[in-house]
Amino acid sequence: MSREFVLPRRTIRVGQVSEKTGLAESSIWRLVRLCQFPRPMKLSPGCTAWFEHEIDEWLDGKGSAREKGGGA
């Protein structure tokens, strides 16, 4: 019998993404348009959210680039 490890998927709204990344909401939307930031999903007509783990991975990538001497 195999056991699968499933990570919980938590969604966060743009204000939380802004708080987590330190980016202004307008910068988040600009980076999404430029395909330089994870894309959000529409949960309902008035609710757009991101998977928190995708934001964490994006931040990890920025940290890795910094450690390798790469730019922002």
N, C-alpha and C. Protein backbone atom coordinates (compact mmCIF):
# COMPACT_ATOMS: atom_id res chain seq x y z
N MET A 1 0.84 -1.17 0.00
CA MET A 1 0.00 0.00 0.00
C MET A 1 0.89 1.24 0.00
N SER A 2 0.68 2.14 -0.96
CA SER A 2 1.50 3.35 -1.02
C SER A 2 0.77 4.50 -0.34
N ARG A 3 1.56 5.33 0.27
CA ARG A 3 1.01 6.51 0.92
C ARG A 3 1.42 7.74 0.14
N GLU A 4 0.47 8.58 -0.15
CA GLU A 4 0.77 9.83 -0.84
C GLU A 4 0.78 10.95 0.17
N PHE A 5 1.78 11.82 0.03
CA PHE A 5 1.83 13.00 0.88
C PHE A 5 1.22 14.16 0.11
N VAL A 6 0.17 14.73 0.63
CA VAL A 6 -0.52 15.82 -0.05
C VAL A 6 -0.37 17.09 0.78
N LEU A 7 0.18 18.11 0.15
CA LEU A 7 0.30 19.40 0.83
C LEU A 7 -1.05 20.10 0.84
N PRO A 8 -1.37 20.74 1.93
CA PRO A 8 -2.63 21.50 1.94
C PRO A 8 -2.51 22.69 1.01
N ARG A 9 -3.55 22.98 0.29
CA ARG A 9 -3.55 24.11 -0.63
C ARG A 9 -4.33 25.25 0.00
N ARG A 10 -3.60 26.27 0.37
CA ARG A 10 -4.22 27.44 0.96
C ARG A 10 -4.22 28.55 -0.07
N THR A 11 -5.33 29.26 -0.19
CA THR A 11 -5.38 30.38 -1.11
C THR A 11 -5.31 31.68 -0.33
N ILE A 12 -4.71 32.69 -0.96
CA ILE A 12 -4.61 34.00 -0.34
C ILE A 12 -5.01 35.07 -1.34
N ARG A 13 -5.59 36.15 -0.84
CA ARG A 13 -6.06 37.25 -1.67
C ARG A 13 -4.94 38.25 -1.91
N VAL A 14 -5.16 39.21 -2.81
CA VAL A 14 -4.12 40.12 -3.24
C VAL A 14 -3.51 40.91 -2.08
N GLY A 15 -4.31 41.32 -1.10
CA GLY A 15 -3.77 42.04 0.05
C GLY A 15 -2.78 41.20 0.84
N GLN A 16 -3.10 39.92 0.98
CA GLN A 16 -2.19 39.01 1.69
C GLN A 16 -0.93 38.76 0.87
N VAL A 17 -1.08 38.66 -0.45
CA VAL A 17 0.08 38.49 -1.33
C VAL A 17 0.99 39.71 -1.20
N SER A 18 0.39 40.89 -1.18
CA SER A 18 1.14 42.12 -1.04
C SER A 18 1.91 42.13 0.29
N GLU A 19 1.24 41.76 1.35
CA GLU A 19 1.87 41.72 2.67
C GLU A 19 3.01 40.71 2.70
N LYS A 20 2.80 39.56 2.11
CA LYS A 20 3.79 38.49 2.12
C LYS A 20 5.03 38.83 1.30
N THR A 21 4.83 39.51 0.16
CA THR A 21 5.95 39.79 -0.74
C THR A 21 6.58 41.17 -0.53
N GLY A 22 5.81 42.08 0.07
CA GLY A 22 6.29 43.45 0.21
C GLY A 22 6.05 44.28 -1.04
N LEU A 23 5.36 43.72 -2.01
CA LEU A 23 5.04 44.43 -3.26
C LEU A 23 3.70 45.15 -3.13
N ALA A 24 3.58 46.28 -3.79
CA ALA A 24 2.29 46.97 -3.86
C ALA A 24 1.34 46.13 -4.72
N GLU A 25 0.06 46.25 -4.47
CA GLU A 25 -0.92 45.49 -5.25
C GLU A 25 -0.79 45.81 -6.74
N SER A 26 -0.55 47.07 -7.08
CA SER A 26 -0.40 47.43 -8.49
C SER A 26 0.82 46.74 -9.11
N SER A 27 1.88 46.58 -8.35
CA SER A 27 3.08 45.88 -8.86
C SER A 27 2.81 44.40 -9.08
N ILE A 28 2.02 43.82 -8.19
CA ILE A 28 1.66 42.40 -8.34
C ILE A 28 0.92 42.21 -9.66
N TRP A 29 -0.10 43.04 -9.90
CA TRP A 29 -0.88 42.91 -11.13
C TRP A 29 -0.03 43.16 -12.38
N ARG A 30 0.91 44.12 -12.30
CA ARG A 30 1.81 44.39 -13.44
C ARG A 30 2.68 43.18 -13.71
N LEU A 31 3.24 42.57 -12.67
CA LEU A 31 4.10 41.40 -12.85
C LEU A 31 3.31 40.20 -13.38
N VAL A 32 2.05 40.07 -12.97
CA VAL A 32 1.19 39.01 -13.51
C VAL A 32 1.02 39.23 -15.01
N ARG A 33 0.71 40.47 -15.41
CA ARG A 33 0.54 40.78 -16.85
C ARG A 33 1.81 40.49 -17.64
N LEU A 34 2.97 40.70 -17.03
CA LEU A 34 4.26 40.46 -17.70
C LEU A 34 4.71 39.00 -17.59
N CYS A 35 3.86 38.15 -17.00
CA CYS A 35 4.18 36.72 -16.80
C CYS A 35 5.44 36.54 -15.95
N GLN A 36 5.64 37.43 -14.99
CA GLN A 36 6.79 37.36 -14.09
C GLN A 36 6.39 37.06 -12.66
N PHE A 37 5.13 36.69 -12.48
CA PHE A 37 4.59 36.40 -11.16
C PHE A 37 3.52 35.34 -11.33
N PRO A 38 3.32 34.48 -10.32
CA PRO A 38 2.28 33.45 -10.45
C PRO A 38 0.92 34.05 -10.79
N ARG A 39 0.19 33.34 -11.63
CA ARG A 39 -1.14 33.80 -12.03
C ARG A 39 -2.16 33.43 -10.97
N PRO A 40 -3.08 34.32 -10.71
CA PRO A 40 -4.14 34.02 -9.76
C PRO A 40 -5.24 33.20 -10.43
N MET A 41 -6.18 32.76 -9.64
CA MET A 41 -7.35 32.05 -10.18
C MET A 41 -8.60 32.75 -9.70
N LYS A 42 -9.63 32.65 -10.48
CA LYS A 42 -10.91 33.24 -10.14
C LYS A 42 -11.71 32.20 -9.37
N LEU A 43 -11.97 32.47 -8.08
CA LEU A 43 -12.74 31.53 -7.27
C LEU A 43 -14.24 31.78 -7.41
N SER A 44 -14.59 33.03 -7.66
CA SER A 44 -15.98 33.43 -7.90
C SER A 44 -15.93 34.78 -8.60
N PRO A 45 -17.06 35.31 -9.04
CA PRO A 45 -17.03 36.59 -9.76
C PRO A 45 -16.30 37.71 -9.00
N GLY A 46 -16.39 37.74 -7.69
CA GLY A 46 -15.75 38.81 -6.94
C GLY A 46 -14.55 38.38 -6.13
N CYS A 47 -14.00 37.21 -6.42
CA CYS A 47 -12.93 36.68 -5.59
C CYS A 47 -11.81 36.07 -6.44
N THR A 48 -10.65 36.71 -6.38
CA THR A 48 -9.46 36.23 -7.07
C THR A 48 -8.44 35.88 -6.01
N ALA A 49 -7.74 34.75 -6.18
CA ALA A 49 -6.78 34.32 -5.16
C ALA A 49 -5.62 33.57 -5.80
N TRP A 50 -4.55 33.46 -5.04
CA TRP A 50 -3.35 32.73 -5.44
C TRP A 50 -3.17 31.56 -4.49
N PHE A 51 -2.55 30.49 -4.99
CA PHE A 51 -2.12 29.43 -4.09
C PHE A 51 -0.91 29.95 -3.33
N GLU A 52 -0.96 29.86 -2.02
CA GLU A 52 0.12 30.40 -1.19
C GLU A 52 1.45 29.72 -1.49
N HIS A 53 1.42 28.41 -1.77
CA HIS A 53 2.69 27.72 -2.04
C HIS A 53 3.35 28.23 -3.32
N GLU A 54 2.57 28.71 -4.29
CA GLU A 54 3.16 29.27 -5.50
C GLU A 54 3.86 30.60 -5.22
N ILE A 55 3.30 31.38 -4.31
CA ILE A 55 3.94 32.63 -3.91
C ILE A 55 5.23 32.32 -3.15
N ASP A 56 5.18 31.33 -2.27
CA ASP A 56 6.38 30.91 -1.54
C ASP A 56 7.48 30.46 -2.50
N GLU A 57 7.11 29.69 -3.52
CA GLU A 57 8.09 29.22 -4.51
C GLU A 57 8.69 30.39 -5.28
N TRP A 58 7.87 31.39 -5.62
CA TRP A 58 8.35 32.57 -6.33
C TRP A 58 9.37 33.31 -5.46
N LEU A 59 9.04 33.47 -4.18
CA LEU A 59 9.96 34.14 -3.25
C LEU A 59 11.26 33.33 -3.10
N ASP A 60 11.15 32.01 -3.01
CA ASP A 60 12.34 31.16 -2.92
C ASP A 60 13.23 31.35 -4.15
N GLY A 61 12.61 31.46 -5.32
CA GLY A 61 13.36 31.68 -6.55
C GLY A 61 14.11 33.01 -6.53
N LYS A 62 13.47 34.03 -5.98
CA LYS A 62 14.12 35.33 -5.86
C LYS A 62 15.31 35.23 -4.91
N GLY A 63 15.14 34.49 -3.82
CA GLY A 63 16.24 34.31 -2.87
C GLY A 63 17.39 33.54 -3.49
N SER A 64 17.08 32.52 -4.27
CA SER A 64 18.11 31.72 -4.93
C SER A 64 18.88 32.55 -5.95
N ALA A 65 18.16 33.40 -6.70
CA ALA A 65 18.82 34.26 -7.69
C ALA A 65 19.77 35.23 -6.99
N ARG A 66 19.36 35.72 -5.84
CA ARG A 66 20.20 36.65 -5.08
C ARG A 66 21.48 35.96 -4.63
N GLU A 67 21.33 34.74 -4.12
CA GLU A 67 22.48 33.98 -3.64
C GLU A 67 23.47 33.66 -4.76
N LYS A 68 22.96 33.50 -5.98
CA LYS A 68 23.82 33.20 -7.13
C LYS A 68 24.38 34.45 -7.76
N GLY A 69 24.03 35.62 -7.19
CA GLY A 69 24.54 36.87 -7.73
C GLY A 69 23.69 37.45 -8.85
N GLY A 70 22.50 36.88 -9.04
CA GLY A 70 21.61 37.37 -10.09
C GLY A 70 20.89 38.62 -9.65
N GLY A 71 20.29 39.29 -10.60
CA GLY A 71 19.54 40.50 -10.32
C GLY A 71 18.14 40.19 -9.85
N ALA A 72 17.37 41.23 -9.65
CA ALA A 72 15.99 41.09 -9.17
C ALA A 72 15.12 40.50 -10.16
